[in-house]
């Protein structure tokens, strides 16, 4: 069986010699504005992701922190945040 080919800038956790438990991985990305956070969330849910935290201000972190968090179909957590 031939290994799948991925872009060079994609981190392949299995190349490190272990299979990571999806529940232990949290990916975070920055967005240009709150609208981009909302777009990410809608696109992810439309593609089959499960809601973890819908888009909202998270003042418990600090004022100006706006984020959404989803679980992809494999169970990995993805967060997109805009910090103003």
Foldseek 3Di string as FASTA:
>chain_A
DDDDDDPPPDDDVVVVPDDDQQQVAEAEEEDPDLVVQQVVVVVQVVVPWAFDAAWDADCVVNPQWTKGWTAHPSGHIYMYIYGD
